[in-house]
Amino acid sequence: MTNPGPSRKDLRRKRANYCRKSVKARGMLDDTLIVWTTEFGRMPTLQKGAQGRDRNPKGFTAWFAGAGVKSGFSFGATQRR
């Protein structure tokens, strides 16, 4: 089996890290808000009879960096408690 190369997740992570490091290296991270978001979320579990997880129109992922944003903070939920 040949190596399929980096996954999309790995590529996104590398791009995000490069963006943050690039802005920080220029001394702009304190004054610049970096926003990354998706158009839809994913269900937390695998769907029966399907490969992978289905889309979740009621939740999505977004992350923010710089401009004094609190790190390691999660807000909201997509499941009733």
N, C-alpha and C. Protein backbone atom coordinates (compact mmCIF):
# COMPACT_ATOMS: atom_id res chain seq x y z
N MET A 1 0.84 -1.17 0.00
CA MET A 1 0.00 0.00 0.00
C MET A 1 0.89 1.24 0.00
N THR A 2 0.57 2.18 -0.83
CA THR A 2 1.35 3.41 -0.89
C THR A 2 0.85 4.40 0.15
N ASN A 3 1.72 5.33 0.51
CA ASN A 3 1.34 6.37 1.47
C ASN A 3 0.41 7.35 0.77
N PRO A 4 -0.81 7.53 1.29
CA PRO A 4 -1.76 8.43 0.64
C PRO A 4 -1.42 9.91 0.84
N GLY A 5 -0.41 10.20 1.64
CA GLY A 5 -0.04 11.60 1.89
C GLY A 5 -0.82 12.15 3.07
N PRO A 6 -0.63 13.43 3.33
CA PRO A 6 -1.29 14.03 4.49
C PRO A 6 -2.80 14.09 4.31
N SER A 7 -3.50 13.97 5.41
CA SER A 7 -4.96 14.06 5.36
C SER A 7 -5.39 15.52 5.26
N ARG A 8 -6.65 15.71 4.91
CA ARG A 8 -7.17 17.09 4.85
C ARG A 8 -7.07 17.75 6.22
N LYS A 9 -7.31 16.96 7.26
CA LYS A 9 -7.23 17.50 8.63
C LYS A 9 -5.81 18.00 8.90
N ASP A 10 -4.80 17.20 8.52
CA ASP A 10 -3.41 17.61 8.72
C ASP A 10 -3.08 18.88 7.93
N LEU A 11 -3.57 18.95 6.70
CA LEU A 11 -3.30 20.12 5.87
C LEU A 11 -3.95 21.37 6.45
N ARG A 12 -5.19 21.25 6.93
CA ARG A 12 -5.86 22.39 7.55
C ARG A 12 -5.11 22.86 8.79
N ARG A 13 -4.67 21.90 9.60
CA ARG A 13 -3.94 22.24 10.83
C ARG A 13 -2.64 22.96 10.48
N LYS A 14 -1.94 22.48 9.47
CA LYS A 14 -0.68 23.12 9.08
C LYS A 14 -0.91 24.54 8.56
N ARG A 15 -1.97 24.72 7.76
CA ARG A 15 -2.28 26.07 7.26
C ARG A 15 -2.65 27.00 8.40
N ALA A 16 -3.44 26.52 9.33
CA ALA A 16 -3.85 27.35 10.47
C ALA A 16 -2.65 27.74 11.31
N ASN A 17 -1.76 26.78 11.59
CA ASN A 17 -0.56 27.08 12.37
C ASN A 17 0.34 28.06 11.64
N TYR A 18 0.48 27.90 10.33
CA TYR A 18 1.31 28.82 9.55
C TYR A 18 0.75 30.23 9.62
N CYS A 19 -0.57 30.36 9.47
CA CYS A 19 -1.21 31.67 9.52
C CYS A 19 -0.96 32.34 10.86
N ARG A 20 -1.20 31.61 11.94
CA ARG A 20 -1.00 32.17 13.28
C ARG A 20 0.45 32.56 13.52
N LYS A 21 1.37 31.68 13.15
CA LYS A 21 2.80 31.96 13.35
C LYS A 21 3.26 33.13 12.50
N SER A 22 2.75 33.22 11.28
CA SER A 22 3.12 34.31 10.38
C SER A 22 2.68 35.66 10.94
N VAL A 23 1.45 35.73 11.43
CA VAL A 23 0.94 36.97 12.01
C VAL A 23 1.71 37.31 13.29
N LYS A 24 1.99 36.28 14.10
CA LYS A 24 2.73 36.50 15.35
C LYS A 24 4.15 36.99 15.06
N ALA A 25 4.82 36.40 14.05
CA ALA A 25 6.19 36.79 13.72
C ALA A 25 6.28 38.26 13.29
N ARG A 26 5.21 38.78 12.74
CA ARG A 26 5.18 40.18 12.31
C ARG A 26 4.75 41.13 13.44
N GLY A 27 4.52 40.56 14.63
CA GLY A 27 4.13 41.37 15.76
C GLY A 27 2.70 41.88 15.68
N MET A 28 1.85 41.19 14.91
CA MET A 28 0.49 41.65 14.69
C MET A 28 -0.56 40.82 15.43
N LEU A 29 -0.16 39.77 16.14
CA LEU A 29 -1.14 38.86 16.73
C LEU A 29 -1.98 39.52 17.83
N ASP A 30 -1.40 40.46 18.55
CA ASP A 30 -2.16 41.14 19.61
C ASP A 30 -3.26 42.03 19.05
N ASP A 31 -3.09 42.50 17.82
CA ASP A 31 -4.04 43.45 17.22
C ASP A 31 -4.89 42.85 16.11
N THR A 32 -4.63 41.59 15.75
CA THR A 32 -5.32 40.97 14.63
C THR A 32 -6.14 39.77 15.12
N LEU A 33 -7.40 39.71 14.72
CA LEU A 33 -8.25 38.56 15.05
C LEU A 33 -8.26 37.63 13.85
N ILE A 34 -7.86 36.39 14.06
CA ILE A 34 -7.89 35.37 13.02
C ILE A 34 -9.13 34.51 13.28
N VAL A 35 -9.96 34.35 12.26
CA VAL A 35 -11.20 33.58 12.38
C VAL A 35 -11.19 32.46 11.35
N TRP A 36 -11.45 31.24 11.80
CA TRP A 36 -11.57 30.08 10.91
C TRP A 36 -12.89 29.41 11.25
N THR A 37 -13.71 29.16 10.25
CA THR A 37 -15.01 28.56 10.52
C THR A 37 -15.42 27.61 9.40
N THR A 38 -16.44 26.82 9.67
CA THR A 38 -16.96 25.89 8.68
C THR A 38 -18.39 26.26 8.33
N GLU A 39 -18.90 25.71 7.25
CA GLU A 39 -20.28 26.01 6.88
C GLU A 39 -21.27 25.05 7.54
N PHE A 40 -20.79 23.95 8.09
CA PHE A 40 -21.63 23.02 8.82
C PHE A 40 -20.76 22.18 9.73
N GLY A 41 -21.39 21.57 10.73
CA GLY A 41 -20.67 20.71 11.65
C GLY A 41 -20.82 19.25 11.26
N ARG A 42 -20.27 18.41 12.08
CA ARG A 42 -20.39 16.95 11.90
C ARG A 42 -21.05 16.35 13.12
N MET A 43 -21.81 15.29 12.91
CA MET A 43 -22.44 14.58 14.01
C MET A 43 -21.33 13.97 14.88
N PRO A 44 -21.57 13.85 16.19
CA PRO A 44 -20.53 13.32 17.07
C PRO A 44 -20.28 11.82 16.96
N THR A 45 -21.19 11.10 16.31
CA THR A 45 -21.03 9.65 16.19
C THR A 45 -21.19 9.23 14.73
N LEU A 46 -20.75 8.01 14.43
CA LEU A 46 -20.92 7.47 13.09
C LEU A 46 -22.38 7.15 12.84
N GLN A 47 -22.81 7.34 11.62
CA GLN A 47 -24.20 7.05 11.26
C GLN A 47 -24.32 5.57 10.91
N LYS A 48 -25.38 4.93 11.34
CA LYS A 48 -25.58 3.50 11.09
C LYS A 48 -25.65 3.25 9.58
N GLY A 49 -24.83 2.31 9.11
CA GLY A 49 -24.84 1.93 7.70
C GLY A 49 -24.11 2.90 6.78
N ALA A 50 -23.48 3.92 7.33
CA ALA A 50 -22.79 4.91 6.50
C ALA A 50 -21.30 4.92 6.85
N GLN A 51 -20.52 5.41 5.93
CA GLN A 51 -19.10 5.59 6.20
C GLN A 51 -18.88 7.03 6.63
N GLY A 52 -18.34 7.21 7.81
CA GLY A 52 -18.08 8.56 8.29
C GLY A 52 -19.26 9.15 9.03
N ARG A 53 -19.17 10.41 9.30
CA ARG A 53 -20.20 11.11 10.07
C ARG A 53 -21.00 12.02 9.15
N ASP A 54 -22.26 12.16 9.44
CA ASP A 54 -23.15 12.99 8.64
C ASP A 54 -23.01 14.46 9.04
N ARG A 55 -23.53 15.33 8.21
CA ARG A 55 -23.52 16.77 8.50
C ARG A 55 -24.48 17.10 9.62
N ASN A 56 -24.14 18.13 10.37
CA ASN A 56 -25.00 18.61 11.45
C ASN A 56 -25.32 20.08 11.19
N PRO A 57 -26.50 20.38 10.66
CA PRO A 57 -26.83 21.76 10.32
C PRO A 57 -27.07 22.66 11.53
N LYS A 58 -27.15 22.07 12.72
CA LYS A 58 -27.41 22.87 13.92
C LYS A 58 -26.15 23.23 14.70
N GLY A 59 -25.02 22.84 14.20
CA GLY A 59 -23.78 23.15 14.91
C GLY A 59 -22.63 23.22 13.93
N PHE A 60 -21.66 24.04 14.22
CA PHE A 60 -20.48 24.13 13.37
C PHE A 60 -19.28 24.51 14.21
N THR A 61 -18.12 24.42 13.63
CA THR A 61 -16.88 24.71 14.34
C THR A 61 -16.34 26.05 13.90
N ALA A 62 -15.83 26.79 14.86
CA ALA A 62 -15.13 28.04 14.57
C ALA A 62 -14.03 28.18 15.60
N TRP A 63 -12.91 28.71 15.18
CA TRP A 63 -11.88 29.04 16.17
C TRP A 63 -11.36 30.42 15.88
N PHE A 64 -10.90 31.04 16.95
CA PHE A 64 -10.40 32.40 16.90
C PHE A 64 -9.02 32.43 17.53
N ALA A 65 -8.16 33.28 17.03
CA ALA A 65 -6.82 33.45 17.60
C ALA A 65 -6.45 34.92 17.53
N GLY A 66 -5.64 35.34 18.47
CA GLY A 66 -5.16 36.72 18.49
C GLY A 66 -6.15 37.68 19.11
N ALA A 67 -5.80 38.95 19.07
CA ALA A 67 -6.65 40.06 19.53
C ALA A 67 -7.17 39.87 20.95
N GLY A 68 -6.40 39.18 21.78
CA GLY A 68 -6.78 39.01 23.17
C GLY A 68 -7.83 37.96 23.43
N VAL A 69 -8.13 37.12 22.44
CA VAL A 69 -9.14 36.06 22.61
C VAL A 69 -8.63 35.05 23.63
N LYS A 70 -9.51 34.63 24.53
CA LYS A 70 -9.17 33.64 25.55
C LYS A 70 -8.90 32.30 24.88
N SER A 71 -7.77 31.68 25.17
CA SER A 71 -7.43 30.40 24.55
C SER A 71 -8.04 29.23 25.32
N GLY A 72 -8.25 28.13 24.61
CA GLY A 72 -8.77 26.92 25.24
C GLY A 72 -10.19 27.05 25.76
N PHE A 73 -11.01 27.82 25.10
CA PHE A 73 -12.37 28.10 25.56
C PHE A 73 -13.37 27.49 24.59
N SER A 74 -14.36 26.77 25.14
CA SER A 74 -15.44 26.20 24.33
C SER A 74 -16.74 26.85 24.74
N PHE A 75 -17.61 27.07 23.76
CA PHE A 75 -18.89 27.69 24.05
C PHE A 75 -19.98 26.95 23.30
N GLY A 76 -21.07 26.64 23.98
CA GLY A 76 -22.22 26.04 23.33
C GLY A 76 -22.17 24.53 23.28
N ALA A 77 -23.30 23.98 22.83
CA ALA A 77 -23.45 22.54 22.69
C ALA A 77 -24.51 22.27 21.63
N THR A 78 -24.45 21.11 21.01
CA THR A 78 -25.43 20.75 20.01
C THR A 78 -26.35 19.64 20.48
N GLN A 79 -26.16 19.18 21.69
CA GLN A 79 -27.00 18.11 22.22
C GLN A 79 -27.73 18.61 23.45
N ARG A 80 -28.96 18.17 23.62
CA ARG A 80 -29.71 18.51 24.83
C ARG A 80 -29.12 17.74 25.99
N ARG A 81 -29.14 18.35 27.14
CA ARG A 81 -28.57 17.70 28.33
C ARG A 81 -29.66 17.23 29.24
